[in-house]
Amino acid sequence: MLYSADSDETELVEVLINTRINIMSIHYLLLSIASKQENRKELFEGCMYCV
């Protein structure tokens, strides 16, 4: 660990990182499904995680 933090801060950081990873995993899973169905644009038109 690069800095000292209490367990609550460390746990929060881990939760945020895991949440981000899960969101990206779900996003790419949906993207692969959408590309197979060829309706990617419609499916992701309102996706707030699209970059």
PDB file of N, CA and C in Angstrom:
ATOM      1  N   MET A   1       0.847  -1.191   0.000  1.00  0.00           N
ATOM      2  CA  MET A   1       0.000   0.000   0.000  1.00  0.00           C
ATOM      3  C   MET A   1       0.887   1.248   0.000  1.00  0.00           C
ATOM      4  N   LEU A   2       0.562   2.202  -0.829  1.00  0.00           N
ATOM      5  CA  LEU A   2       1.407   3.376  -0.986  1.00  0.00           C
ATOM      6  C   LEU A   2       1.181   4.417   0.099  1.00  0.00           C
ATOM      7  N   TYR A   3       0.044   4.373   0.738  1.00  0.00           N
ATOM      8  CA  TYR A   3      -0.245   5.339   1.786  1.00  0.00           C
ATOM      9  C   TYR A   3      -0.969   4.632   2.918  1.00  0.00           C
ATOM     10  N   SER A   4      -0.863   5.208   4.106  1.00  0.00           N
ATOM     11  CA  SER A   4      -1.560   4.595   5.233  1.00  0.00           C
ATOM     12  C   SER A   4      -2.993   5.096   5.271  1.00  0.00           C
ATOM     13  N   ALA A   5      -3.899   4.183   5.424  1.00  0.00           N
ATOM     14  CA  ALA A   5      -5.316   4.541   5.494  1.00  0.00           C
ATOM     15  C   ALA A   5      -5.988   3.595   6.465  1.00  0.00           C
ATOM     16  N   ASP A   6      -7.036   4.060   7.076  1.00  0.00           N
ATOM     17  CA  ASP A   6      -7.758   3.149   7.957  1.00  0.00           C
ATOM     18  C   ASP A   6      -8.543   2.148   7.114  1.00  0.00           C
ATOM     19  N   SER A   7      -9.065   1.144   7.754  1.00  0.00           N
ATOM     20  CA  SER A   7      -9.700   0.046   7.026  1.00  0.00           C
ATOM     21  C   SER A   7     -10.922   0.506   6.242  1.00  0.00           C
ATOM     22  N   ASP A   8     -11.629   1.513   6.752  1.00  0.00           N
ATOM     23  CA  ASP A   8     -12.820   2.003   6.059  1.00  0.00           C
ATOM     24  C   ASP A   8     -12.466   2.613   4.709  1.00  0.00           C
ATOM     25  N   GLU A   9     -11.405   3.433   4.684  1.00  0.00           N
ATOM     26  CA  GLU A   9     -10.981   4.048   3.426  1.00  0.00           C
ATOM     27  C   GLU A   9     -10.521   2.991   2.435  1.00  0.00           C
ATOM     28  N   THR A  10      -9.729   2.047   2.918  1.00  0.00           N
ATOM     29  CA  THR A  10      -9.225   0.993   2.046  1.00  0.00           C
ATOM     30  C   THR A  10     -10.373   0.183   1.467  1.00  0.00           C
ATOM     31  N   GLU A  11     -11.334  -0.132   2.305  1.00  0.00           N
ATOM     32  CA  GLU A  11     -12.492  -0.907   1.867  1.00  0.00           C
ATOM     33  C   GLU A  11     -13.293  -0.132   0.825  1.00  0.00           C
ATOM     34  N   LEU A  12     -13.448   1.165   1.035  1.00  0.00           N
ATOM     35  CA  LEU A  12     -14.195   2.003   0.096  1.00  0.00           C
ATOM     36  C   LEU A  12     -13.510   2.025  -1.264  1.00  0.00           C
ATOM     37  N   VAL A  13     -12.193   2.173  -1.264  1.00  0.00           N
ATOM     38  CA  VAL A  13     -11.440   2.182  -2.521  1.00  0.00           C
ATOM     39  C   VAL A  13     -11.611   0.853  -3.247  1.00  0.00           C
ATOM     40  N   GLU A  14     -11.519  -0.247  -2.512  1.00  0.00           N
ATOM     41  CA  GLU A  14     -11.691  -1.567  -3.124  1.00  0.00           C
ATOM     42  C   GLU A  14     -13.083  -1.719  -3.722  1.00  0.00           C
ATOM     43  N   VAL A  15     -14.096  -1.252  -3.010  1.00  0.00           N
ATOM     44  CA  VAL A  15     -15.471  -1.328  -3.507  1.00  0.00           C
ATOM     45  C   VAL A  15     -15.619  -0.512  -4.783  1.00  0.00           C
ATOM     46  N   LEU A  16     -15.055   0.691  -4.796  1.00  0.00           N
ATOM     47  CA  LEU A  16     -15.150   1.542  -5.985  1.00  0.00           C
ATOM     48  C   LEU A  16     -14.452   0.907  -7.180  1.00  0.00           C
ATOM     49  N   ILE A  17     -13.270   0.334  -6.952  1.00  0.00           N
ATOM     50  CA  ILE A  17     -12.534  -0.320  -8.037  1.00  0.00           C
ATOM     51  C   ILE A  17     -13.313  -1.527  -8.548  1.00  0.00           C
ATOM     52  N   ASN A  18     -13.816  -2.347  -7.635  1.00  0.00           N
ATOM     53  CA  ASN A  18     -14.587  -3.523  -8.036  1.00  0.00           C
ATOM     54  C   ASN A  18     -15.854  -3.132  -8.781  1.00  0.00           C
ATOM     55  N   THR A  19     -16.511  -2.067  -8.325  1.00  0.00           N
ATOM     56  CA  THR A  19     -17.721  -1.589  -8.992  1.00  0.00           C
ATOM     57  C   THR A  19     -17.407  -1.146 -10.408  1.00  0.00           C
ATOM     58  N   ARG A  20     -16.317  -0.420 -10.563  1.00  0.00           N
ATOM     59  CA  ARG A  20     -15.903   0.054 -11.891  1.00  0.00           C
ATOM     60  C   ARG A  20     -15.610  -1.128 -12.811  1.00  0.00           C
ATOM     61  N   ILE A  21     -14.899  -2.124 -12.304  1.00  0.00           N
ATOM     62  CA  ILE A  21     -14.583  -3.312 -13.095  1.00  0.00           C
ATOM     63  C   ILE A  21     -15.864  -4.033 -13.497  1.00  0.00           C
ATOM     64  N   ASN A  22     -16.794  -4.175 -12.557  1.00  0.00           N
ATOM     65  CA  ASN A  22     -18.060  -4.850 -12.854  1.00  0.00           C
ATOM     66  C   ASN A  22     -18.852  -4.098 -13.906  1.00  0.00           C
ATOM     67  N   ILE A  23     -18.901  -2.771 -13.799  1.00  0.00           N
ATOM     68  CA  ILE A  23     -19.620  -1.959 -14.781  1.00  0.00           C
ATOM     69  C   ILE A  23     -19.009  -2.147 -16.166  1.00  0.00           C
ATOM     70  N   MET A  24     -17.680  -2.120 -16.244  1.00  0.00           N
ATOM     71  CA  MET A  24     -17.026  -2.271 -17.541  1.00  0.00           C
ATOM     72  C   MET A  24     -17.255  -3.671 -18.101  1.00  0.00           C
ATOM     73  N   SER A  25     -17.220  -4.686 -17.238  1.00  0.00           N
ATOM     74  CA  SER A  25     -17.462  -6.057 -17.686  1.00  0.00           C
ATOM     75  C   SER A  25     -18.863  -6.201 -18.260  1.00  0.00           C
ATOM     76  N   ILE A  26     -19.848  -5.669 -17.548  1.00  0.00           N
ATOM     77  CA  ILE A  26     -21.235  -5.726 -18.013  1.00  0.00           C
ATOM     78  C   ILE A  26     -21.374  -4.952 -19.315  1.00  0.00           C
ATOM     79  N   HIS A  27     -20.723  -3.789 -19.393  1.00  0.00           N
ATOM     80  CA  HIS A  27     -20.787  -2.951 -20.585  1.00  0.00           C
ATOM     81  C   HIS A  27     -20.266  -3.705 -21.806  1.00  0.00           C
ATOM     82  N   TYR A  28     -19.093  -4.339 -21.662  1.00  0.00           N
ATOM     83  CA  TYR A  28     -18.519  -5.052 -22.799  1.00  0.00           C
ATOM     84  C   TYR A  28     -19.302  -6.309 -23.139  1.00  0.00           C
ATOM     85  N   LEU A  29     -19.883  -6.944 -22.133  1.00  0.00           N
ATOM     86  CA  LEU A  29     -20.745  -8.095 -22.387  1.00  0.00           C
ATOM     87  C   LEU A  29     -21.946  -7.675 -23.220  1.00  0.00           C
ATOM     88  N   LEU A  30     -22.591  -6.580 -22.818  1.00  0.00           N
ATOM     89  CA  LEU A  30     -23.727  -6.073 -23.584  1.00  0.00           C
ATOM     90  C   LEU A  30     -23.298  -5.645 -24.979  1.00  0.00           C
ATOM     91  N   LEU A  31     -22.112  -5.068 -25.082  1.00  0.00           N
ATOM     92  CA  LEU A  31     -21.605  -4.619 -26.376  1.00  0.00           C
ATOM     93  C   LEU A  31     -21.406  -5.807 -27.311  1.00  0.00           C
ATOM     94  N   SER A  32     -20.889  -6.915 -26.790  1.00  0.00           N
ATOM     95  CA  SER A  32     -20.686  -8.098 -27.627  1.00  0.00           C
ATOM     96  C   SER A  32     -22.018  -8.703 -28.055  1.00  0.00           C
ATOM     97  N   ILE A  33     -22.991  -8.701 -27.150  1.00  0.00           N
ATOM     98  CA  ILE A  33     -24.332  -9.180 -27.499  1.00  0.00           C
ATOM     99  C   ILE A  33     -24.935  -8.281 -28.571  1.00  0.00           C
ATOM    100  N   ALA A  34     -24.784  -6.975 -28.391  1.00  0.00           N
ATOM    101  CA  ALA A  34     -25.360  -6.015 -29.335  1.00  0.00           C
ATOM    102  C   ALA A  34     -24.734  -6.163 -30.717  1.00  0.00           C
ATOM    103  N   SER A  35     -23.429  -6.400 -30.770  1.00  0.00           N
ATOM    104  CA  SER A  35     -22.782  -6.522 -32.069  1.00  0.00           C
ATOM    105  C   SER A  35     -23.245  -7.781 -32.789  1.00  0.00           C
ATOM    106  N   LYS A  36     -23.549  -8.820 -32.028  1.00  0.00           N
ATOM    107  CA  LYS A  36     -24.086 -10.038 -32.636  1.00  0.00           C
ATOM    108  C   LYS A  36     -25.484  -9.790 -33.188  1.00  0.00           C
ATOM    109  N   GLN A  37     -26.245  -8.977 -32.497  1.00  0.00           N
ATOM    110  CA  GLN A  37     -27.615  -8.703 -32.929  1.00  0.00           C
ATOM    111  C   GLN A  37     -27.688  -7.533 -33.910  1.00  0.00           C
ATOM    112  N   GLU A  38     -26.547  -6.864 -34.122  1.00  0.00           N
ATOM    113  CA  GLU A  38     -26.452  -5.745 -35.058  1.00  0.00           C
ATOM    114  C   GLU A  38     -27.427  -4.611 -34.737  1.00  0.00           C
ATOM    115  N   ASN A  39     -27.634  -4.361 -33.460  1.00  0.00           N
ATOM    116  CA  ASN A  39     -28.447  -3.206 -33.078  1.00  0.00           C
ATOM    117  C   ASN A  39     -27.717  -2.406 -32.003  1.00  0.00           C
ATOM    118  N   ARG A  40     -26.404  -2.353 -32.130  1.00  0.00           N
ATOM    119  CA  ARG A  40     -25.551  -1.722 -31.123  1.00  0.00           C
ATOM    120  C   ARG A  40     -25.933  -0.261 -30.897  1.00  0.00           C
ATOM    121  N   LYS A  41     -26.177   0.463 -31.980  1.00  0.00           N
ATOM    122  CA  LYS A  41     -26.442   1.899 -31.852  1.00  0.00           C
ATOM    123  C   LYS A  41     -27.698   2.162 -31.033  1.00  0.00           C
ATOM    124  N   GLU A  42     -28.744   1.418 -31.293  1.00  0.00           N
ATOM    125  CA  GLU A  42     -29.990   1.586 -30.548  1.00  0.00           C
ATOM    126  C   GLU A  42     -29.807   1.206 -29.083  1.00  0.00           C
ATOM    127  N   LEU A  43     -29.099   0.103 -28.850  1.00  0.00           N
ATOM    128  CA  LEU A  43     -28.944  -0.398 -27.486  1.00  0.00           C
ATOM    129  C   LEU A  43     -28.131   0.564 -26.622  1.00  0.00           C
ATOM    130  N   PHE A  44     -27.121   1.200 -27.225  1.00  0.00           N
ATOM    131  CA  PHE A  44     -26.209   2.033 -26.443  1.00  0.00           C
ATOM    132  C   PHE A  44     -26.424   3.525 -26.639  1.00  0.00           C
ATOM    133  N   GLU A  45     -27.534   3.895 -27.241  1.00  0.00           N
ATOM    134  CA  GLU A  45     -27.795   5.314 -27.480  1.00  0.00           C
ATOM    135  C   GLU A  45     -27.827   6.099 -26.174  1.00  0.00           C
ATOM    136  N   GLY A  46     -28.413   5.514 -25.133  1.00  0.00           N
ATOM    137  CA  GLY A  46     -28.527   6.213 -23.859  1.00  0.00           C
ATOM    138  C   GLY A  46     -27.583   5.696 -22.794  1.00  0.00           C
ATOM    139  N   CYS A  47     -26.543   4.981 -23.195  1.00  0.00           N
ATOM    140  CA  CYS A  47     -25.623   4.387 -22.217  1.00  0.00           C
ATOM    141  C   CYS A  47     -24.691   5.445 -21.649  1.00  0.00           C
ATOM    142  N   MET A  48     -24.784   5.680 -20.344  1.00  0.00           N
ATOM    143  CA  MET A  48     -23.986   6.740 -19.731  1.00  0.00           C
ATOM    144  C   MET A  48     -22.528   6.335 -19.539  1.00  0.00           C
ATOM    145  N   TYR A  49     -22.200   5.053 -19.756  1.00  0.00           N
ATOM    146  CA  TYR A  49     -20.825   4.609 -19.572  1.00  0.00           C
ATOM    147  C   TYR A  49     -20.057   4.526 -20.882  1.00  0.00           C
ATOM    148  N   CYS A  50     -20.738   4.813 -21.999  1.00  0.00           N
ATOM    149  CA  CYS A  50     -20.045   4.782 -23.284  1.00  0.00           C
ATOM    150  C   CYS A  50     -19.033   5.918 -23.334  1.00  0.00           C
ATOM    151  N   VAL A  51     -17.855   5.607 -23.841  1.00  0.00           N
ATOM    152  CA  VAL A  51     -16.795   6.622 -23.919  1.00  0.00           C
ATOM    153  C   VAL A  51     -16.625   7.037 -25.364  1.00  0.00           C
TER     154      VAL A  51
END
